C-alpha atoms as a PDB file:
ATOM      1  CA  MET A   1      16.893   0.242 -11.079  1.00  0.00           C
ATOM      2  CA  LEU A   2      17.788   0.655  -7.474  1.00  0.00           C
ATOM      3  CA  ILE A   3      15.457  -0.903  -4.643  1.00  0.00           C
ATOM      4  CA  ILE A   4      14.499   1.687  -2.127  1.00  0.00           C
ATOM      5  CA  GLN A   5      15.705   0.927   1.274  1.00  0.00           C
ATOM      6  CA  GLU A   6      15.064   1.839   4.869  1.00  0.00           C
ATOM      7  CA  GLY A   7      15.972   5.045   6.259  1.00  0.00           C
ATOM      8  CA  GLN A   8      15.959   6.450   2.866  1.00  0.00           C
ATOM      9  CA  PRO A   9      13.743   9.604   1.808  1.00  0.00           C
ATOM     10  CA  ALA A  10      10.163   8.037   0.406  1.00  0.00           C
ATOM     11  CA  PRO A  11      10.240   9.574  -3.484  1.00  0.00           C
ATOM     12  CA  ASN A  12       6.676  11.712  -3.655  1.00  0.00           C
ATOM     13  CA  PHE A  13       3.851  10.178  -5.942  1.00  0.00           C
ATOM     14  CA  GLN A  14       0.608  11.621  -6.748  1.00  0.00           C
ATOM     15  CA  LEU A  15      -1.973   9.222  -7.642  1.00  0.00           C
ATOM     16  CA  LYS A  16      -5.695   8.911  -8.152  1.00  0.00           C
ATOM     17  CA  ALA A  17      -7.689   6.917  -5.955  1.00  0.00           C
ATOM     18  CA  ASN A  18     -10.641   4.588  -5.845  1.00  0.00           C
ATOM     19  CA  ASP A  19     -12.809   8.369  -4.524  1.00  0.00           C
ATOM     20  CA  ASP A  20     -11.342   9.970  -7.697  1.00  0.00           C
ATOM     21  CA  SER A  21      -9.170  12.330  -4.852  1.00  0.00           C
ATOM     22  CA  SER A  22      -6.269  12.796  -6.287  1.00  0.00           C
ATOM     23  CA  ILE A  23      -3.038  11.739  -3.215  1.00  0.00           C
ATOM     24  CA  SER A  24      -0.118  13.404  -3.052  1.00  0.00           C
ATOM     25  CA  LEU A  25       2.657  11.122  -0.284  1.00  0.00           C
ATOM     26  CA  ASP A  26       4.339  14.792   0.198  1.00  0.00           C
ATOM     27  CA  SER A  27       0.837  16.005   1.546  1.00  0.00           C
ATOM     28  CA  PHE A  28       0.762  14.181   4.245  1.00  0.00           C
ATOM     29  CA  LYS A  29       4.774  15.301   5.685  1.00  0.00           C
ATOM     30  CA  ASN A  30       4.886  16.416   9.069  1.00  0.00           C
ATOM     31  CA  LYS A  31       0.855  15.198   9.776  1.00  0.00           C
ATOM     32  CA  LYS A  32       1.039  11.152   9.298  1.00  0.00           C
ATOM     33  CA  ASN A  33       3.021   8.085   8.779  1.00  0.00           C
ATOM     34  CA  VAL A  34       2.125   6.889   5.786  1.00  0.00           C
ATOM     35  CA  VAL A  35       1.652   3.172   5.443  1.00  0.00           C
ATOM     36  CA  LEU A  36       2.153   2.028   1.575  1.00  0.00           C
ATOM     37  CA  CYS A  37       0.830  -1.630   0.645  1.00  0.00           C
ATOM     38  CA  PHE A  38       1.703  -2.804  -3.052  1.00  0.00           C
ATOM     39  CA  TYR A  39       0.199  -5.620  -4.823  1.00  0.00           C
ATOM     40  CA  PRO A  40       0.283  -6.783  -8.171  1.00  0.00           C
ATOM     41  CA  LYS A  41      -3.965  -6.754  -9.272  1.00  0.00           C
ATOM     42  CA  ASN A  42      -7.186  -7.183  -7.544  1.00  0.00           C
ATOM     43  CA  HIS A  43      -8.625  -9.429  -9.953  1.00  0.00           C
ATOM     44  CA  LEU A  44      -6.309 -12.044 -11.076  1.00  0.00           C
ATOM     45  CA  PHE A  45      -6.408 -15.861 -10.972  1.00  0.00           C
ATOM     46  CA  GLY A  46      -5.714 -18.138  -8.786  1.00  0.00           C
ATOM     47  CA  CYS A  47      -3.094 -18.162  -5.950  1.00  0.00           C
ATOM     48  CA  PRO A  48      -2.034 -14.612  -5.913  1.00  0.00           C
ATOM     49  CA  SER A  49      -6.006 -13.099  -6.165  1.00  0.00           C
ATOM     50  CA  LYS A  50      -6.503 -15.619  -2.871  1.00  0.00           C
ATOM     51  CA  LYS A  51      -3.561 -13.500  -1.631  1.00  0.00           C
ATOM     52  CA  VAL A  52      -5.116 -10.305  -2.329  1.00  0.00           C
ATOM     53  CA  PHE A  53      -8.106 -11.131  -0.558  1.00  0.00           C
ATOM     54  CA  LYS A  54      -6.590 -12.816   2.685  1.00  0.00           C
ATOM     55  CA  MET A  55      -3.803  -9.785   2.626  1.00  0.00           C
ATOM     56  CA  ALA A  56      -6.879  -7.284   2.188  1.00  0.00           C
ATOM     57  CA  GLN A  57      -9.251  -8.856   5.503  1.00  0.00           C
ATOM     58  CA  SER A  58      -5.857  -8.963   7.773  1.00  0.00           C
ATOM     59  CA  ILE A  59      -5.196  -4.943   7.358  1.00  0.00           C
ATOM     60  CA  ILE A  60      -9.258  -4.006   7.691  1.00  0.00           C
ATOM     61  CA  SER A  61      -9.123  -5.943  11.043  1.00  0.00           C
ATOM     62  CA  SER A  62      -6.252  -3.893  11.967  1.00  0.00           C
ATOM     63  CA  TYR A  63      -7.232  -0.419  10.276  1.00  0.00           C
ATOM     64  CA  GLN A  64      -8.748   1.325  13.319  1.00  0.00           C
ATOM     65  CA  THR A  65      -5.311   0.386  15.292  1.00  0.00           C
ATOM     66  CA  ILE A  66      -3.385   1.893  12.070  1.00  0.00           C
ATOM     67  CA  LEU A  67      -5.406   5.036  12.577  1.00  0.00           C
ATOM     68  CA  SER A  68      -4.937   4.942  15.840  1.00  0.00           C
ATOM     69  CA  THR A  69      -0.723   5.747  15.438  1.00  0.00           C
ATOM     70  CA  ASP A  70      -1.485   8.981  13.433  1.00  0.00           C
ATOM     71  CA  SER A  71      -0.991   6.886  10.522  1.00  0.00           C
ATOM     72  CA  ILE A  72      -3.177   6.413   7.099  1.00  0.00           C
ATOM     73  CA  LEU A  73      -2.751   3.747   4.939  1.00  0.00           C
ATOM     74  CA  PHE A  74      -3.361   3.382   1.276  1.00  0.00           C
ATOM     75  CA  THR A  75      -2.494   0.244  -1.291  1.00  0.00           C
ATOM     76  CA  ILE A  76      -1.243   0.817  -4.339  1.00  0.00           C
ATOM     77  CA  SER A  77      -1.711  -1.697  -7.980  1.00  0.00           C
ATOM     78  CA  VAL A  78      -1.746  -0.958 -11.309  1.00  0.00           C
ATOM     79  CA  ASP A  79      -5.438  -1.458 -11.598  1.00  0.00           C
ATOM     80  CA  THR A  80      -7.555   1.779 -13.006  1.00  0.00           C
ATOM     81  CA  VAL A  81      -9.677   3.672 -10.773  1.00  0.00           C
ATOM     82  CA  GLU A  82     -12.664   1.549 -11.841  1.00  0.00           C
ATOM     83  CA  ASP A  83     -11.555  -1.090 -11.086  1.00  0.00           C
ATOM     84  CA  GLN A  84     -10.157  -0.033  -7.852  1.00  0.00           C
ATOM     85  CA  ALA A  85     -13.749   1.465  -6.653  1.00  0.00           C
ATOM     86  CA  GLN A  86     -15.164  -1.398  -7.672  1.00  0.00           C
ATOM     87  CA  PHE A  87     -13.000  -3.505  -5.970  1.00  0.00           C
ATOM     88  CA  VAL A  88     -13.547  -1.658  -2.514  1.00  0.00           C
ATOM     89  CA  LYS A  89     -17.472  -1.486  -3.010  1.00  0.00           C
ATOM     90  CA  GLU A  90     -17.442  -4.872  -3.449  1.00  0.00           C
ATOM     91  CA  TYR A  91     -15.271  -6.124  -0.413  1.00  0.00           C
ATOM     92  CA  ASP A  92     -16.342  -3.400   1.885  1.00  0.00           C
ATOM     93  CA  ILE A  93     -12.594  -1.692   2.093  1.00  0.00           C
ATOM     94  CA  PRO A  94     -12.275   1.215   4.147  1.00  0.00           C
ATOM     95  CA  TYR A  95      -9.377   2.180   2.780  1.00  0.00           C
ATOM     96  CA  LEU A  96      -8.616   4.519  -0.431  1.00  0.00           C
ATOM     97  CA  HIS A  97      -6.961   2.217  -3.258  1.00  0.00           C
ATOM     98  CA  LEU A  98      -4.813   4.030  -5.632  1.00  0.00           C
ATOM     99  CA  GLY A  99      -4.084   3.058  -9.056  1.00  0.00           C
ATOM    100  CA  ASP A 100      -0.718   3.012 -10.566  1.00  0.00           C
ATOM    101  CA  THR A 101      -1.660   2.186 -14.366  1.00  0.00           C
ATOM    102  CA  VAL A 102       1.728   3.608 -15.626  1.00  0.00           C
ATOM    103  CA  LYS A 103       3.770   1.663 -13.266  1.00  0.00           C
ATOM    104  CA  ASP A 104       5.889   4.720 -12.170  1.00  0.00           C
ATOM    105  CA  THR A 105       5.497   4.480  -8.149  1.00  0.00           C
ATOM    106  CA  CYS A 106       5.246   0.901  -8.281  1.00  0.00           C
ATOM    107  CA  LYS A 107       8.719   0.537  -9.759  1.00  0.00           C
ATOM    108  CA  LYS A 108      10.422   2.770  -7.812  1.00  0.00           C
ATOM    109  CA  TYR A 109       8.886   1.529  -4.388  1.00  0.00           C
ATOM    110  CA  ALA A 110       7.562  -2.256  -5.163  1.00  0.00           C
ATOM    111  CA  GLY A 111       9.641  -3.036  -8.227  1.00  0.00           C
ATOM    112  CA  LEU A 112       7.841  -5.180 -10.777  1.00  0.00           C
ATOM    113  CA  ASN A 113       7.481  -9.294 -11.533  1.00  0.00           C
ATOM    114  CA  PHE A 114       8.218 -11.034 -14.834  1.00  0.00           C
ATOM    115  CA  VAL A 115       5.054 -10.103 -16.142  1.00  0.00           C
ATOM    116  CA  GLY A 116       5.044  -6.333 -15.431  1.00  0.00           C
ATOM    117  CA  LEU A 117       3.262  -6.471 -12.289  1.00  0.00           C
ATOM    118  CA  PRO A 118       3.928  -4.762  -8.812  1.00  0.00           C
ATOM    119  CA  LYS A 119       5.602  -6.822  -6.491  1.00  0.00           C
ATOM    120  CA  ARG A 120       3.895  -7.611  -2.919  1.00  0.00           C
ATOM    121  CA  SER A 121       5.788  -5.180  -0.643  1.00  0.00           C
ATOM    122  CA  THR A 122       4.451  -2.997   2.342  1.00  0.00           C
ATOM    123  CA  PHE A 123       6.449   0.229   2.848  1.00  0.00           C
ATOM    124  CA  ILE A 124       5.961   2.436   6.282  1.00  0.00           C
ATOM    125  CA  ILE A 125       6.758   5.791   6.222  1.00  0.00           C
ATOM    126  CA  ASP A 126       7.529   8.616   8.830  1.00  0.00           C
ATOM    127  CA  LYS A 127       6.436  11.398   9.446  1.00  0.00           C
ATOM    128  CA  LYS A 128       9.365  13.284   8.128  1.00  0.00           C
ATOM    129  CA  GLY A 129       9.354  11.307   4.839  1.00  0.00           C
ATOM    130  CA  ILE A 130      11.661   8.778   5.785  1.00  0.00           C
ATOM    131  CA  ILE A 131      10.816   5.130   5.023  1.00  0.00           C
ATOM    132  CA  ARG A 132      11.116   3.360   7.917  1.00  0.00           C
ATOM    133  CA  LYS A 133      10.013   0.083   7.272  1.00  0.00           C
ATOM    134  CA  VAL A 134       9.948  -2.192   4.615  1.00  0.00           C
ATOM    135  CA  PHE A 135       8.072  -5.977   4.571  1.00  0.00           C
ATOM    136  CA  ARG A 136       8.933  -7.933   0.811  1.00  0.00           C
ATOM    137  CA  ASP A 137       8.335 -10.994   2.178  1.00  0.00           C
ATOM    138  CA  ILE A 138       4.626 -11.041   3.685  1.00  0.00           C
ATOM    139  CA  ASP A 139       2.700 -13.046   5.186  1.00  0.00           C
ATOM    140  CA  VAL A 140      -0.942 -11.933   4.286  1.00  0.00           C
ATOM    141  CA  GLU A 141      -2.822 -13.925   6.967  1.00  0.00           C
ATOM    142  CA  ASN A 142      -0.937 -11.580   9.755  1.00  0.00           C
ATOM    143  CA  HIS A 143       0.266  -8.582   7.820  1.00  0.00           C
ATOM    144  CA  GLY A 144      -2.358  -6.320   9.595  1.00  0.00           C
ATOM    145  CA  LEU A 145      -0.467  -7.048  12.716  1.00  0.00           C
ATOM    146  CA  GLN A 146       2.666  -6.917  11.059  1.00  0.00           C
ATOM    147  CA  ILE A 147       1.776  -3.245  10.437  1.00  0.00           C
ATOM    148  CA  THR A 148       0.530  -2.164  13.481  1.00  0.00           C
ATOM    149  CA  ASN A 149       2.951  -3.916  15.666  1.00  0.00           C
ATOM    150  CA  PHE A 150       6.060  -2.044  13.672  1.00  0.00           C
ATOM    151  CA  LEU A 151       3.402   1.261  14.130  1.00  0.00           C
ATOM    152  CA  LYS A 152       2.900   1.445  17.851  1.00  0.00           C
ATOM    153  CA  GLN A 153       7.242   0.990  17.968  1.00  0.00           C
ATOM    154  CA  LEU A 154       7.418   4.636  15.772  1.00  0.00           C
END
């Protein structure tokens, strides 16, 4: 499977969110920039789990700035909507988490690791639906700043 690159049109998807709404990427076209943050799973044992929490904290600290750039942010993992809802409530996360249990969107965008979980990556899509930035090697503690710095230039 080909890996999505900067400059390509972002493939549409429709996924359920932790609040039970249905999110379609195309619904934001010509309205907002979209930030998609992919990560393996909410509750993993060991190091990857700590990275999920650090990345969430980093994004939460920059979330209002992200919104101020006429952008919206979603995170996507292979967790169920119920697991996403519990995770968001447990850590008081202000943005929607989307569940991709069939892994179609995760495969298209992030790719899957050797155990079938999405690789940690972030895609910034402009209002025209074009992928403008891909972060694949993510500094989880500063990722919120990386996102906002790029959005401010967009």
